[in-house]
Amino acid sequence: MSATTRAFWLRSPGEGEIRSADLREPGPDDVVVRTLYSGVSRGTETLVFRGGVPQSQHTAMRAPFQEGDFPAPVKYGYLAVGLVEAGPAELLGRTVFCLHPHQTRFVVPAAAVTPVPDDVPAGRAVLAGTVETAVNALWDAAPLVGDRIAVVGAGMVGCSVAAVLAGIPGVRVELVDTDPSRAAVATALGVGFAAPADARGDCDLVVHASATEAGLSRSLELLAHEGEVVELSWYGDRPVSLRLGESFHAKRLTIRSSQVGTVSPRRARRGYSERMALALRLLADPRFDVLISGECRFDDLPALMSREPPGLCVRVLYGDT
């Protein structure tokens, strides 16, 4: 087993590099994981890469096992799947998911990894962190059977939310995005699709995930009386203006923030580990494969990030490193 590792670092805003380091010696309650795949969370990681984390959020936005500080140099990321090479007997040889930056091997407490179910391919399991966000958002939103729901913003998070919502009996789910190519993704997920101008209104619930001012405004317009927007977008250092002088007060509308760093109070007794285990169980559904929009080799990650990752989730391949 190699005692060294290689990791992707943001050297300075807009510039990434691969750095080598020694692995720390594992303790009795640790695991050593050889990474098989990681995923690039396009929205958040692109924002981090350009140095867009506001100073007031430097602590709140720290990822588990992050090294360095915002804006840079920093080692950041949270979608890793690997094979346990050393650790407790019940985990040895298991494929696991971990909220860890892009790195060829890593040592973490055994409690920080979640076994990937046998019916979930390791390459699909990189989506677990994003599906966990969707689970938490829907715990916050508490949708009901038969609800009329729009998901505005067909990125990784929005598509994951739509996929989970599609399993609720009787709901009308419409994915709303300015990119017409997302219609094919919506079809694969089993939900409707519309451009913002053509989206169906009278919604009981709108989940907003476009991270745009226009998307949030349109989300409010789509609500029925006393409807709610669950806001999943993180805007970083960008100011957002919102017109609340239209029907916001007359229709008694609500905007609720949802963020995966805290387990929804409506399901607080479940805890983080149960939430992640649920996300991984949901990934047994092959519909989620449509969210993997590309692949790159680990050594090519600096170049990929410098030109902004395309599509939805880019899966990083590690091979036998």
C-alpha atoms as a PDB file:
ATOM      1  CA  MET A   1       0.000   0.000   0.000  1.00  0.00           C
ATOM      2  CA  SER A   2       1.384   3.391  -1.028  1.00  0.00           C
ATOM      3  CA  ALA A   3       2.263   5.763   1.814  1.00  0.00           C
ATOM      4  CA  THR A   4       1.870   8.777  -0.471  1.00  0.00           C
ATOM      5  CA  THR A   5      -1.082  10.430  -2.145  1.00  0.00           C
ATOM      6  CA  ARG A   6      -1.842  13.028  -4.802  1.00  0.00           C
ATOM      7  CA  ALA A   7      -4.570  15.652  -4.442  1.00  0.00           C
ATOM      8  CA  PHE A   8      -6.153  18.435  -6.486  1.00  0.00           C
ATOM      9  CA  TRP A   9      -5.600  21.905  -5.003  1.00  0.00           C
ATOM     10  CA  LEU A  10      -6.797  25.361  -5.957  1.00  0.00           C
ATOM     11  CA  ARG A  11      -3.457  27.186  -5.999  1.00  0.00           C
ATOM     12  CA  SER A  12      -5.032  30.610  -6.595  1.00  0.00           C
ATOM     13  CA  PRO A  13      -8.428  31.680  -7.958  1.00  0.00           C
ATOM     14  CA  GLY A  14      -8.704  30.220 -11.454  1.00  0.00           C
ATOM     15  CA  GLU A  15      -5.563  28.046 -11.165  1.00  0.00           C
ATOM     16  CA  GLY A  16      -5.528  24.412 -10.054  1.00  0.00           C
ATOM     17  CA  GLU A  17      -2.703  21.911  -9.600  1.00  0.00           C
ATOM     18  CA  ILE A  18      -1.970  18.349  -8.458  1.00  0.00           C
ATOM     19  CA  ARG A  19       0.124  18.100  -5.290  1.00  0.00           C
ATOM     20  CA  SER A  20       1.810  15.081  -3.729  1.00  0.00           C
ATOM     21  CA  ALA A  21       1.848  14.446   0.016  1.00  0.00           C
ATOM     22  CA  ASP A  22       2.510  11.737   2.578  1.00  0.00           C
ATOM     23  CA  LEU A  23      -0.474   9.860   3.961  1.00  0.00           C
ATOM     24  CA  ARG A  24      -0.801  10.164   7.696  1.00  0.00           C
ATOM     25  CA  GLU A  25      -0.474   6.993   9.721  1.00  0.00           C
ATOM     26  CA  PRO A  26      -3.952   5.489  10.261  1.00  0.00           C
ATOM     27  CA  GLY A  27      -5.175   4.949  13.797  1.00  0.00           C
ATOM     28  CA  PRO A  28      -7.198   1.973  15.054  1.00  0.00           C
ATOM     29  CA  ASP A  29     -10.501   3.678  14.198  1.00  0.00           C
ATOM     30  CA  ASP A  30      -9.427   4.919  10.754  1.00  0.00           C
ATOM     31  CA  VAL A  31      -9.771   3.590   7.236  1.00  0.00           C
ATOM     32  CA  VAL A  32      -7.406   3.934   4.297  1.00  0.00           C
ATOM     33  CA  VAL A  33      -9.370   4.469   1.086  1.00  0.00           C
ATOM     34  CA  ARG A  34      -8.073   4.144  -2.466  1.00  0.00           C
ATOM     35  CA  THR A  35     -10.202   6.424  -4.624  1.00  0.00           C
ATOM     36  CA  LEU A  36     -11.995   4.919  -7.607  1.00  0.00           C
ATOM     37  CA  TYR A  37     -14.060   7.944  -8.661  1.00  0.00           C
ATOM     38  CA  SER A  38     -14.882  11.440  -7.546  1.00  0.00           C
ATOM     39  CA  GLY A  39     -17.413  13.906  -8.852  1.00  0.00           C
ATOM     40  CA  VAL A  40     -17.136  17.591  -9.673  1.00  0.00           C
ATOM     41  CA  SER A  41     -20.036  19.483  -8.128  1.00  0.00           C
ATOM     42  CA  ARG A  42     -20.281  21.986 -10.946  1.00  0.00           C
ATOM     43  CA  GLY A  43     -22.071  24.865  -9.233  1.00  0.00           C
ATOM     44  CA  THR A  44     -20.325  25.040  -5.861  1.00  0.00           C
ATOM     45  CA  GLU A  45     -16.891  23.913  -7.030  1.00  0.00           C
ATOM     46  CA  THR A  46     -16.901  26.364  -9.938  1.00  0.00           C
ATOM     47  CA  LEU A  47     -17.731  29.161  -7.500  1.00  0.00           C
ATOM     48  CA  VAL A  48     -14.922  28.056  -5.175  1.00  0.00           C
ATOM     49  CA  PHE A  49     -12.522  27.767  -8.120  1.00  0.00           C
ATOM     50  CA  ARG A  50     -13.088  31.367  -9.191  1.00  0.00           C
ATOM     51  CA  GLY A  51     -12.617  32.584  -5.603  1.00  0.00           C
ATOM     52  CA  GLY A  52     -16.264  33.520  -5.083  1.00  0.00           C
ATOM     53  CA  VAL A  53     -16.764  32.429  -1.454  1.00  0.00           C
ATOM     54  CA  PRO A  54     -17.617  35.569   0.576  1.00  0.00           C
ATOM     55  CA  GLN A  55     -15.318  36.197   3.522  1.00  0.00           C
ATOM     56  CA  SER A  56     -18.298  35.994   5.887  1.00  0.00           C
ATOM     57  CA  GLN A  57     -18.908  32.408   4.713  1.00  0.00           C
ATOM     58  CA  HIS A  58     -15.332  31.081   4.866  1.00  0.00           C
ATOM     59  CA  THR A  59     -16.070  29.035   7.973  1.00  0.00           C
ATOM     60  CA  ALA A  60     -19.594  27.927   7.051  1.00  0.00           C
ATOM     61  CA  MET A  61     -18.504  26.751   3.601  1.00  0.00           C
ATOM     62  CA  ARG A  62     -15.632  24.549   4.748  1.00  0.00           C
ATOM     63  CA  ALA A  63     -15.994  21.033   3.384  1.00  0.00           C
ATOM     64  CA  PRO A  64     -15.225  17.945   5.473  1.00  0.00           C
ATOM     65  CA  PHE A  65     -11.483  17.155   5.255  1.00  0.00           C
ATOM     66  CA  GLN A  66     -10.775  20.430   3.466  1.00  0.00           C
ATOM     67  CA  GLU A  67      -7.208  21.674   3.780  1.00  0.00           C
ATOM     68  CA  GLY A  68      -6.187  25.287   3.383  1.00  0.00           C
ATOM     69  CA  ASP A  69      -8.489  28.295   3.520  1.00  0.00           C
ATOM     70  CA  PHE A  70     -10.609  30.278   1.104  1.00  0.00           C
ATOM     71  CA  PRO A  71      -9.970  31.803  -1.298  1.00  0.00           C
ATOM     72  CA  ALA A  72      -6.712  29.822  -1.841  1.00  0.00           C
ATOM     73  CA  PRO A  73      -4.666  27.719  -1.621  1.00  0.00           C
ATOM     74  CA  VAL A  74      -7.339  25.209  -0.715  1.00  0.00           C
ATOM     75  CA  LYS A  75      -8.114  21.518  -1.246  1.00  0.00           C
ATOM     76  CA  TYR A  76     -11.856  21.318  -1.782  1.00  0.00           C
ATOM     77  CA  GLY A  77     -14.444  18.755  -2.913  1.00  0.00           C
ATOM     78  CA  TYR A  78     -16.938  16.339  -1.394  1.00  0.00           C
ATOM     79  CA  LEU A  79     -17.935  13.549  -3.794  1.00  0.00           C
ATOM     80  CA  ALA A  80     -15.518  10.613  -3.469  1.00  0.00           C
ATOM     81  CA  VAL A  81     -15.999   6.869  -3.878  1.00  0.00           C
ATOM     82  CA  GLY A  82     -13.252   4.399  -3.122  1.00  0.00           C
ATOM     83  CA  LEU A  83     -12.178   0.989  -1.876  1.00  0.00           C
ATOM     84  CA  VAL A  84     -11.191   0.447   1.774  1.00  0.00           C
ATOM     85  CA  GLU A  85      -7.658  -0.944   1.789  1.00  0.00           C
ATOM     86  CA  ALA A  86      -7.127  -0.944   5.558  1.00  0.00           C
ATOM     87  CA  GLY A  87      -9.373  -0.499   8.557  1.00  0.00           C
ATOM     88  CA  PRO A  88     -11.993  -2.331  10.626  1.00  0.00           C
ATOM     89  CA  ALA A  89     -12.811  -5.838   9.394  1.00  0.00           C
ATOM     90  CA  GLU A  90     -16.430  -4.973   8.548  1.00  0.00           C
ATOM     91  CA  LEU A  91     -15.253  -2.288   6.077  1.00  0.00           C
ATOM     92  CA  LEU A  92     -12.146  -3.932   4.639  1.00  0.00           C
ATOM     93  CA  GLY A  93     -12.575  -4.410   0.892  1.00  0.00           C
ATOM     94  CA  ARG A  94     -15.874  -2.489   0.840  1.00  0.00           C
ATOM     95  CA  THR A  95     -16.709   0.250  -1.650  1.00  0.00           C
ATOM     96  CA  VAL A  96     -17.559   3.400   0.305  1.00  0.00           C
ATOM     97  CA  PHE A  97     -18.667   6.989  -0.229  1.00  0.00           C
ATOM     98  CA  CYS A  98     -16.968   9.861   1.597  1.00  0.00           C
ATOM     99  CA  LEU A  99     -17.334  13.653   1.614  1.00  0.00           C
ATOM    100  CA  HIS A 100     -13.673  14.094   0.674  1.00  0.00           C
ATOM    101  CA  PRO A 101     -11.777  16.294  -1.798  1.00  0.00           C
ATOM    102  CA  HIS A 102     -10.321  14.913  -5.035  1.00  0.00           C
ATOM    103  CA  GLN A 103      -7.389  12.734  -3.904  1.00  0.00           C
ATOM    104  CA  THR A 104      -5.927   9.386  -4.952  1.00  0.00           C
ATOM    105  CA  ARG A 105      -5.820   7.919  -1.419  1.00  0.00           C
ATOM    106  CA  PHE A 106      -6.949   9.248   1.940  1.00  0.00           C
ATOM    107  CA  VAL A 107      -7.137   8.345   5.626  1.00  0.00           C
ATOM    108  CA  VAL A 108     -10.295   9.281   7.536  1.00  0.00           C
ATOM    109  CA  PRO A 109     -12.197   8.034  10.585  1.00  0.00           C
ATOM    110  CA  ALA A 110     -14.231   4.934   9.759  1.00  0.00           C
ATOM    111  CA  ALA A 111     -17.360   6.800  10.858  1.00  0.00           C
ATOM    112  CA  ALA A 112     -16.839   9.274   7.981  1.00  0.00           C
ATOM    113  CA  VAL A 113     -17.463   6.696   5.228  1.00  0.00           C
ATOM    114  CA  THR A 114     -20.741   5.100   4.161  1.00  0.00           C
ATOM    115  CA  PRO A 115     -20.775   1.665   2.491  1.00  0.00           C
ATOM    116  CA  VAL A 116     -22.180   1.706  -1.024  1.00  0.00           C
ATOM    117  CA  PRO A 117     -25.040  -0.811  -1.373  1.00  0.00           C
ATOM    118  CA  ASP A 118     -24.312  -3.799  -3.582  1.00  0.00           C
ATOM    119  CA  ASP A 119     -26.955  -2.750  -6.117  1.00  0.00           C
ATOM    120  CA  VAL A 120     -25.434   0.737  -6.617  1.00  0.00           C
ATOM    121  CA  PRO A 121     -22.542   0.935  -9.125  1.00  0.00           C
ATOM    122  CA  ALA A 122     -19.479   2.701  -7.707  1.00  0.00           C
ATOM    123  CA  GLY A 123     -19.445   5.128 -10.631  1.00  0.00           C
ATOM    124  CA  ARG A 124     -23.009   6.247  -9.879  1.00  0.00           C
ATOM    125  CA  ALA A 125     -22.358   6.566  -6.151  1.00  0.00           C
ATOM    126  CA  VAL A 126     -20.395   9.810  -6.714  1.00  0.00           C
ATOM    127  CA  LEU A 127     -23.837  11.453  -6.867  1.00  0.00           C
ATOM    128  CA  ALA A 128     -24.579  10.565  -3.231  1.00  0.00           C
ATOM    129  CA  GLY A 129     -23.678  13.989  -1.837  1.00  0.00           C
ATOM    130  CA  THR A 130     -25.982  15.709  -4.326  1.00  0.00           C
ATOM    131  CA  VAL A 131     -28.851  13.288  -3.758  1.00  0.00           C
ATOM    132  CA  GLU A 132     -28.362  13.829  -0.015  1.00  0.00           C
ATOM    133  CA  THR A 133     -28.936  17.550  -0.660  1.00  0.00           C
ATOM    134  CA  ALA A 134     -32.139  16.672  -2.521  1.00  0.00           C
ATOM    135  CA  VAL A 135     -33.324  14.452   0.335  1.00  0.00           C
ATOM    136  CA  ASN A 136     -32.753  17.228   2.863  1.00  0.00           C
ATOM    137  CA  ALA A 137     -34.543  19.754   0.646  1.00  0.00           C
ATOM    138  CA  LEU A 138     -37.595  17.535   0.402  1.00  0.00           C
ATOM    139  CA  TRP A 139     -37.555  16.908   4.137  1.00  0.00           C
ATOM    140  CA  ASP A 140     -37.718  20.714   4.441  1.00  0.00           C
ATOM    141  CA  ALA A 141     -40.372  21.070   1.732  1.00  0.00           C
ATOM    142  CA  ALA A 142     -42.554  18.146   2.909  1.00  0.00           C
ATOM    143  CA  PRO A 143     -44.374  17.667  -0.439  1.00  0.00           C
ATOM    144  CA  LEU A 144     -47.759  15.961  -0.376  1.00  0.00           C
ATOM    145  CA  VAL A 145     -49.391  13.350  -2.593  1.00  0.00           C
ATOM    146  CA  GLY A 146     -50.914  15.106  -5.598  1.00  0.00           C
ATOM    147  CA  ASP A 147     -48.961  18.370  -5.237  1.00  0.00           C
ATOM    148  CA  ARG A 148     -48.209  20.547  -8.250  1.00  0.00           C
ATOM    149  CA  ILE A 149     -44.462  21.171  -8.132  1.00  0.00           C
ATOM    150  CA  ALA A 150     -41.912  23.002 -10.264  1.00  0.00           C
ATOM    151  CA  VAL A 151     -38.163  22.603  -9.947  1.00  0.00           C
ATOM    152  CA  VAL A 152     -36.491  25.714 -11.369  1.00  0.00           C
ATOM    153  CA  GLY A 153     -32.897  25.064 -12.399  1.00  0.00           C
ATOM    154  CA  ALA A 154     -31.919  21.771 -14.018  1.00  0.00           C
ATOM    155  CA  GLY A 155     -28.412  21.446 -12.648  1.00  0.00           C
ATOM    156  CA  MET A 156     -27.181  18.528 -10.542  1.00  0.00           C
ATOM    157  CA  VAL A 157     -29.208  19.486  -7.487  1.00  0.00           C
ATOM    158  CA  GLY A 158     -32.377  20.437  -9.357  1.00  0.00           C
ATOM    159  CA  CYS A 159     -32.346  17.241 -11.388  1.00  0.00           C
ATOM    160  CA  SER A 160     -31.763  15.154  -8.257  1.00  0.00           C
ATOM    161  CA  VAL A 161     -34.724  16.834  -6.562  1.00  0.00           C
ATOM    162  CA  ALA A 162     -36.924  16.184  -9.603  1.00  0.00           C
ATOM    163  CA  ALA A 163     -35.873  12.528  -9.712  1.00  0.00           C
ATOM    164  CA  VAL A 164     -36.811  11.965  -6.071  1.00  0.00           C
ATOM    165  CA  LEU A 165     -40.091  13.891  -6.423  1.00  0.00           C
ATOM    166  CA  ALA A 166     -41.077  11.723  -9.388  1.00  0.00           C
ATOM    167  CA  GLY A 167     -41.494   8.796  -7.001  1.00  0.00           C
ATOM    168  CA  ILE A 168     -44.291  10.476  -4.991  1.00  0.00           C
ATOM    169  CA  PRO A 169     -47.726   9.274  -6.146  1.00  0.00           C
ATOM    170  CA  GLY A 170     -49.864  11.729  -8.059  1.00  0.00           C
ATOM    171  CA  VAL A 171     -47.469  14.677  -8.113  1.00  0.00           C
ATOM    172  CA  ARG A 172     -47.109  16.914 -11.131  1.00  0.00           C
ATOM    173  CA  VAL A 173     -43.387  17.622 -11.462  1.00  0.00           C
ATOM    174  CA  GLU A 174     -42.022  20.045 -14.050  1.00  0.00           C
ATOM    175  CA  LEU A 175     -38.318  20.770 -14.465  1.00  0.00           C
ATOM    176  CA  VAL A 176     -37.792  24.368 -15.609  1.00  0.00           C
ATOM    177  CA  ASP A 177     -34.606  25.592 -17.278  1.00  0.00           C
ATOM    178  CA  THR A 178     -33.389  27.998 -19.950  1.00  0.00           C
ATOM    179  CA  ASP A 179     -31.320  25.237 -21.610  1.00  0.00           C
ATOM    180  CA  PRO A 180     -33.554  23.249 -24.002  1.00  0.00           C
ATOM    181  CA  SER A 181     -31.125  20.303 -23.911  1.00  0.00           C
ATOM    182  CA  ARG A 182     -32.295  19.624 -20.343  1.00  0.00           C
ATOM    183  CA  ALA A 183     -35.612  18.399 -21.802  1.00  0.00           C
ATOM    184  CA  ALA A 184     -33.955  15.071 -22.609  1.00  0.00           C
ATOM    185  CA  VAL A 185     -32.714  14.820 -19.005  1.00  0.00           C
ATOM    186  CA  ALA A 186     -36.230  15.521 -17.712  1.00  0.00           C
ATOM    187  CA  THR A 187     -37.646  12.789 -19.941  1.00  0.00           C
ATOM    188  CA  ALA A 188     -35.070  10.300 -18.660  1.00  0.00           C
ATOM    189  CA  LEU A 189     -36.012  11.211 -15.081  1.00  0.00           C
ATOM    190  CA  GLY A 190     -39.717  10.778 -15.783  1.00  0.00           C
ATOM    191  CA  VAL A 191     -40.793  14.400 -15.250  1.00  0.00           C
ATOM    192  CA  GLY A 192     -42.049  17.226 -17.434  1.00  0.00           C
ATOM    193  CA  PHE A 193     -39.941  20.052 -18.830  1.00  0.00           C
ATOM    194  CA  ALA A 194     -40.557  23.693 -19.746  1.00  0.00           C
ATOM    195  CA  ALA A 195     -38.683  26.874 -20.539  1.00  0.00           C
ATOM    196  CA  PRO A 196     -39.266  29.545 -17.849  1.00  0.00           C
ATOM    197  CA  ALA A 197     -41.821  31.447 -19.947  1.00  0.00           C
ATOM    198  CA  ASP A 198     -43.816  28.278 -20.621  1.00  0.00           C
ATOM    199  CA  ALA A 199     -43.780  26.770 -17.119  1.00  0.00           C
ATOM    200  CA  ARG A 200     -47.092  25.780 -15.568  1.00  0.00           C
ATOM    201  CA  GLY A 201     -48.220  27.929 -12.654  1.00  0.00           C
ATOM    202  CA  ASP A 202     -50.598  27.361  -9.740  1.00  0.00           C
ATOM    203  CA  CYS A 203     -47.850  25.383  -7.970  1.00  0.00           C
ATOM    204  CA  ASP A 204     -48.140  24.310  -4.366  1.00  0.00           C
ATOM    205  CA  LEU A 205     -44.364  24.134  -4.139  1.00  0.00           C
ATOM    206  CA  VAL A 206     -41.413  25.393  -6.162  1.00  0.00           C
ATOM    207  CA  VAL A 207     -37.866  24.211  -5.503  1.00  0.00           C
ATOM    208  CA  HIS A 208     -35.400  26.803  -6.794  1.00  0.00           C
ATOM    209  CA  ALA A 209     -31.898  25.663  -7.743  1.00  0.00           C
ATOM    210  CA  SER A 210     -30.796  27.868 -10.646  1.00  0.00           C
ATOM    211  CA  ALA A 211     -28.677  30.269  -8.535  1.00  0.00           C
ATOM    212  CA  THR A 212     -29.996  33.158 -10.632  1.00  0.00           C
ATOM    213  CA  GLU A 213     -32.017  36.223  -9.722  1.00  0.00           C
ATOM    214  CA  ALA A 214     -34.333  35.618 -12.678  1.00  0.00           C
ATOM    215  CA  GLY A 215     -34.916  32.025 -11.589  1.00  0.00           C
ATOM    216  CA  LEU A 216     -35.923  33.041  -8.077  1.00  0.00           C
ATOM    217  CA  SER A 217     -38.300  35.709  -9.400  1.00  0.00           C
ATOM    218  CA  ARG A 218     -39.909  33.220 -11.786  1.00  0.00           C
ATOM    219  CA  SER A 219     -40.239  30.700  -8.955  1.00  0.00           C
ATOM    220  CA  LEU A 220     -42.395  33.132  -6.989  1.00  0.00           C
ATOM    221  CA  GLU A 221     -44.538  33.819 -10.056  1.00  0.00           C
ATOM    222  CA  LEU A 222     -45.308  30.116 -10.431  1.00  0.00           C
ATOM    223  CA  LEU A 223     -46.772  29.724  -6.941  1.00  0.00           C
ATOM    224  CA  ALA A 224     -50.431  29.351  -6.075  1.00  0.00           C
ATOM    225  CA  HIS A 225     -51.950  31.205  -3.104  1.00  0.00           C
ATOM    226  CA  GLU A 226     -49.935  30.448   0.065  1.00  0.00           C
ATOM    227  CA  GLY A 227     -47.387  28.454  -1.932  1.00  0.00           C
ATOM    228  CA  GLU A 228     -43.756  28.063  -0.919  1.00  0.00           C
ATOM    229  CA  VAL A 229     -40.379  28.383  -2.630  1.00  0.00           C
ATOM    230  CA  VAL A 230     -37.665  26.204  -1.141  1.00  0.00           C
ATOM    231  CA  GLU A 231     -34.423  27.985  -2.022  1.00  0.00           C
ATOM    232  CA  LEU A 232     -31.486  25.642  -2.635  1.00  0.00           C
ATOM    233  CA  SER A 233     -29.285  28.077  -4.555  1.00  0.00           C
ATOM    234  CA  TRP A 234     -26.107  29.444  -3.063  1.00  0.00           C
ATOM    235  CA  TYR A 235     -25.154  32.771  -4.626  1.00  0.00           C
ATOM    236  CA  GLY A 236     -21.715  33.185  -3.097  1.00  0.00           C
ATOM    237  CA  ASP A 237     -20.599  36.813  -3.348  1.00  0.00           C
ATOM    238  CA  ARG A 238     -23.303  37.871  -5.826  1.00  0.00           C
ATOM    239  CA  PRO A 239     -26.058  40.247  -4.646  1.00  0.00           C
ATOM    240  CA  VAL A 240     -29.637  39.256  -5.500  1.00  0.00           C
ATOM    241  CA  SER A 241     -32.546  41.639  -6.046  1.00  0.00           C
ATOM    242  CA  LEU A 242     -36.131  40.445  -5.750  1.00  0.00           C
ATOM    243  CA  ARG A 243     -39.368  42.238  -6.631  1.00  0.00           C
ATOM    244  CA  LEU A 244     -41.663  41.786  -3.660  1.00  0.00           C
ATOM    245  CA  GLY A 245     -44.071  44.520  -4.663  1.00  0.00           C
ATOM    246  CA  GLU A 246     -46.047  42.276  -7.028  1.00  0.00           C
ATOM    247  CA  SER A 247     -48.239  39.502  -5.559  1.00  0.00           C
ATOM    248  CA  PHE A 248     -45.851  38.309  -2.847  1.00  0.00           C
ATOM    249  CA  HIS A 249     -47.878  39.757   0.053  1.00  0.00           C
ATOM    250  CA  ALA A 250     -51.345  39.388  -1.459  1.00  0.00           C
ATOM    251  CA  LYS A 251     -50.780  35.687  -2.157  1.00  0.00           C
ATOM    252  CA  ARG A 252     -49.112  35.088   1.254  1.00  0.00           C
ATOM    253  CA  LEU A 253     -46.085  33.426  -0.330  1.00  0.00           C
ATOM    254  CA  THR A 254     -43.127  31.935   1.532  1.00  0.00           C
ATOM    255  CA  ILE A 255     -39.417  31.608   0.706  1.00  0.00           C
ATOM    256  CA  ARG A 256     -37.609  28.993   2.798  1.00  0.00           C
ATOM    257  CA  SER A 257     -33.866  28.399   2.692  1.00  0.00           C
ATOM    258  CA  SER A 258     -32.644  24.797   2.672  1.00  0.00           C
ATOM    259  CA  GLN A 259     -28.997  23.859   3.140  1.00  0.00           C
ATOM    260  CA  VAL A 260     -27.504  20.386   3.483  1.00  0.00           C
ATOM    261  CA  GLY A 261     -25.108  21.375   6.288  1.00  0.00           C
ATOM    262  CA  THR A 262     -27.974  21.000   8.769  1.00  0.00           C
ATOM    263  CA  VAL A 263     -30.367  18.060   8.865  1.00  0.00           C
ATOM    264  CA  SER A 264     -33.892  19.377   8.321  1.00  0.00           C
ATOM    265  CA  PRO A 265     -35.556  20.045  11.703  1.00  0.00           C
ATOM    266  CA  ARG A 266     -38.537  18.094  10.392  1.00  0.00           C
ATOM    267  CA  ARG A 267     -36.375  14.952  10.316  1.00  0.00           C
ATOM    268  CA  ALA A 268     -33.694  15.847  12.856  1.00  0.00           C
ATOM    269  CA  ARG A 269     -33.969  12.512  14.663  1.00  0.00           C
ATOM    270  CA  ARG A 270     -32.623  10.781  11.530  1.00  0.00           C
ATOM    271  CA  GLY A 271     -29.117  12.288  11.707  1.00  0.00           C
ATOM    272  CA  TYR A 272     -26.446  12.720   9.045  1.00  0.00           C
ATOM    273  CA  SER A 273     -25.516   9.045   8.665  1.00  0.00           C
ATOM    274  CA  GLU A 274     -29.101   7.935   8.065  1.00  0.00           C
ATOM    275  CA  ARG A 275     -29.620  10.728   5.548  1.00  0.00           C
ATOM    276  CA  MET A 276     -26.539   9.682   3.566  1.00  0.00           C
ATOM    277  CA  ALA A 277     -27.505   6.001   3.713  1.00  0.00           C
ATOM    278  CA  LEU A 278     -30.923   6.904   2.294  1.00  0.00           C
ATOM    279  CA  ALA A 279     -29.333   8.892  -0.527  1.00  0.00           C
ATOM    280  CA  LEU A 280     -27.203   5.893  -1.467  1.00  0.00           C
ATOM    281  CA  ARG A 281     -30.209   3.556  -1.418  1.00  0.00           C
ATOM    282  CA  LEU A 282     -32.046   5.889  -3.798  1.00  0.00           C
ATOM    283  CA  LEU A 283     -29.107   5.639  -6.213  1.00  0.00           C
ATOM    284  CA  ALA A 284     -30.033   2.026  -6.976  1.00  0.00           C
ATOM    285  CA  ASP A 285     -32.347   3.676  -9.538  1.00  0.00           C
ATOM    286  CA  PRO A 286     -30.557   3.735 -12.937  1.00  0.00           C
ATOM    287  CA  ARG A 287     -32.389   6.936 -13.917  1.00  0.00           C
ATOM    288  CA  PHE A 288     -29.691   8.857 -12.040  1.00  0.00           C
ATOM    289  CA  ASP A 289     -27.083   7.834 -14.637  1.00  0.00           C
ATOM    290  CA  VAL A 290     -28.315  10.664 -16.856  1.00  0.00           C
ATOM    291  CA  LEU A 291     -26.766  13.137 -14.386  1.00  0.00           C
ATOM    292  CA  ILE A 292     -23.245  11.921 -15.250  1.00  0.00           C
ATOM    293  CA  SER A 293     -22.580  14.146 -18.234  1.00  0.00           C
ATOM    294  CA  GLY A 294     -18.867  13.507 -18.781  1.00  0.00           C
ATOM    295  CA  GLU A 295     -15.645  12.012 -17.472  1.00  0.00           C
ATOM    296  CA  CYS A 296     -12.033  13.074 -17.101  1.00  0.00           C
ATOM    297  CA  ARG A 297      -8.840  11.584 -15.758  1.00  0.00           C
ATOM    298  CA  PHE A 298      -7.635  12.779 -12.361  1.00  0.00           C
ATOM    299  CA  ASP A 299      -4.475  14.261 -13.887  1.00  0.00           C
ATOM    300  CA  ASP A 300      -6.630  16.334 -16.251  1.00  0.00           C
ATOM    301  CA  LEU A 301      -8.687  17.925 -13.459  1.00  0.00           C
ATOM    302  CA  PRO A 302      -6.737  21.238 -13.337  1.00  0.00           C
ATOM    303  CA  ALA A 303      -7.347  21.788 -17.042  1.00  0.00           C
ATOM    304  CA  LEU A 304     -11.015  20.828 -16.749  1.00  0.00           C
ATOM    305  CA  MET A 305     -11.663  23.259 -13.895  1.00  0.00           C
ATOM    306  CA  SER A 306      -9.892  26.115 -15.676  1.00  0.00           C
ATOM    307  CA  ARG A 307     -12.437  26.013 -18.499  1.00  0.00           C
ATOM    308  CA  GLU A 308     -15.467  25.357 -16.238  1.00  0.00           C
ATOM    309  CA  PRO A 309     -16.861  21.796 -16.223  1.00  0.00           C
ATOM    310  CA  PRO A 310     -19.580  21.241 -18.833  1.00  0.00           C
ATOM    311  CA  GLY A 311     -23.045  19.752 -18.332  1.00  0.00           C
ATOM    312  CA  LEU A 312     -24.106  18.309 -14.987  1.00  0.00           C
ATOM    313  CA  CYS A 313     -21.682  16.092 -13.036  1.00  0.00           C
ATOM    314  CA  VAL A 314     -18.232  15.276 -14.401  1.00  0.00           C
ATOM    315  CA  ARG A 315     -16.967  11.957 -13.044  1.00  0.00           C
ATOM    316  CA  VAL A 316     -13.233  11.860 -12.310  1.00  0.00           C
ATOM    317  CA  LEU A 317     -11.474   8.553 -13.031  1.00  0.00           C
ATOM    318  CA  TYR A 318      -8.544   7.432 -10.906  1.00  0.00           C
ATOM    319  CA  GLY A 319      -7.616   4.033 -12.283  1.00  0.00           C
ATOM    320  CA  ASP A 320      -4.949   2.170 -10.293  1.00  0.00           C
ATOM    321  CA  THR A 321      -3.319   5.234  -8.727  1.00  0.00           C
END
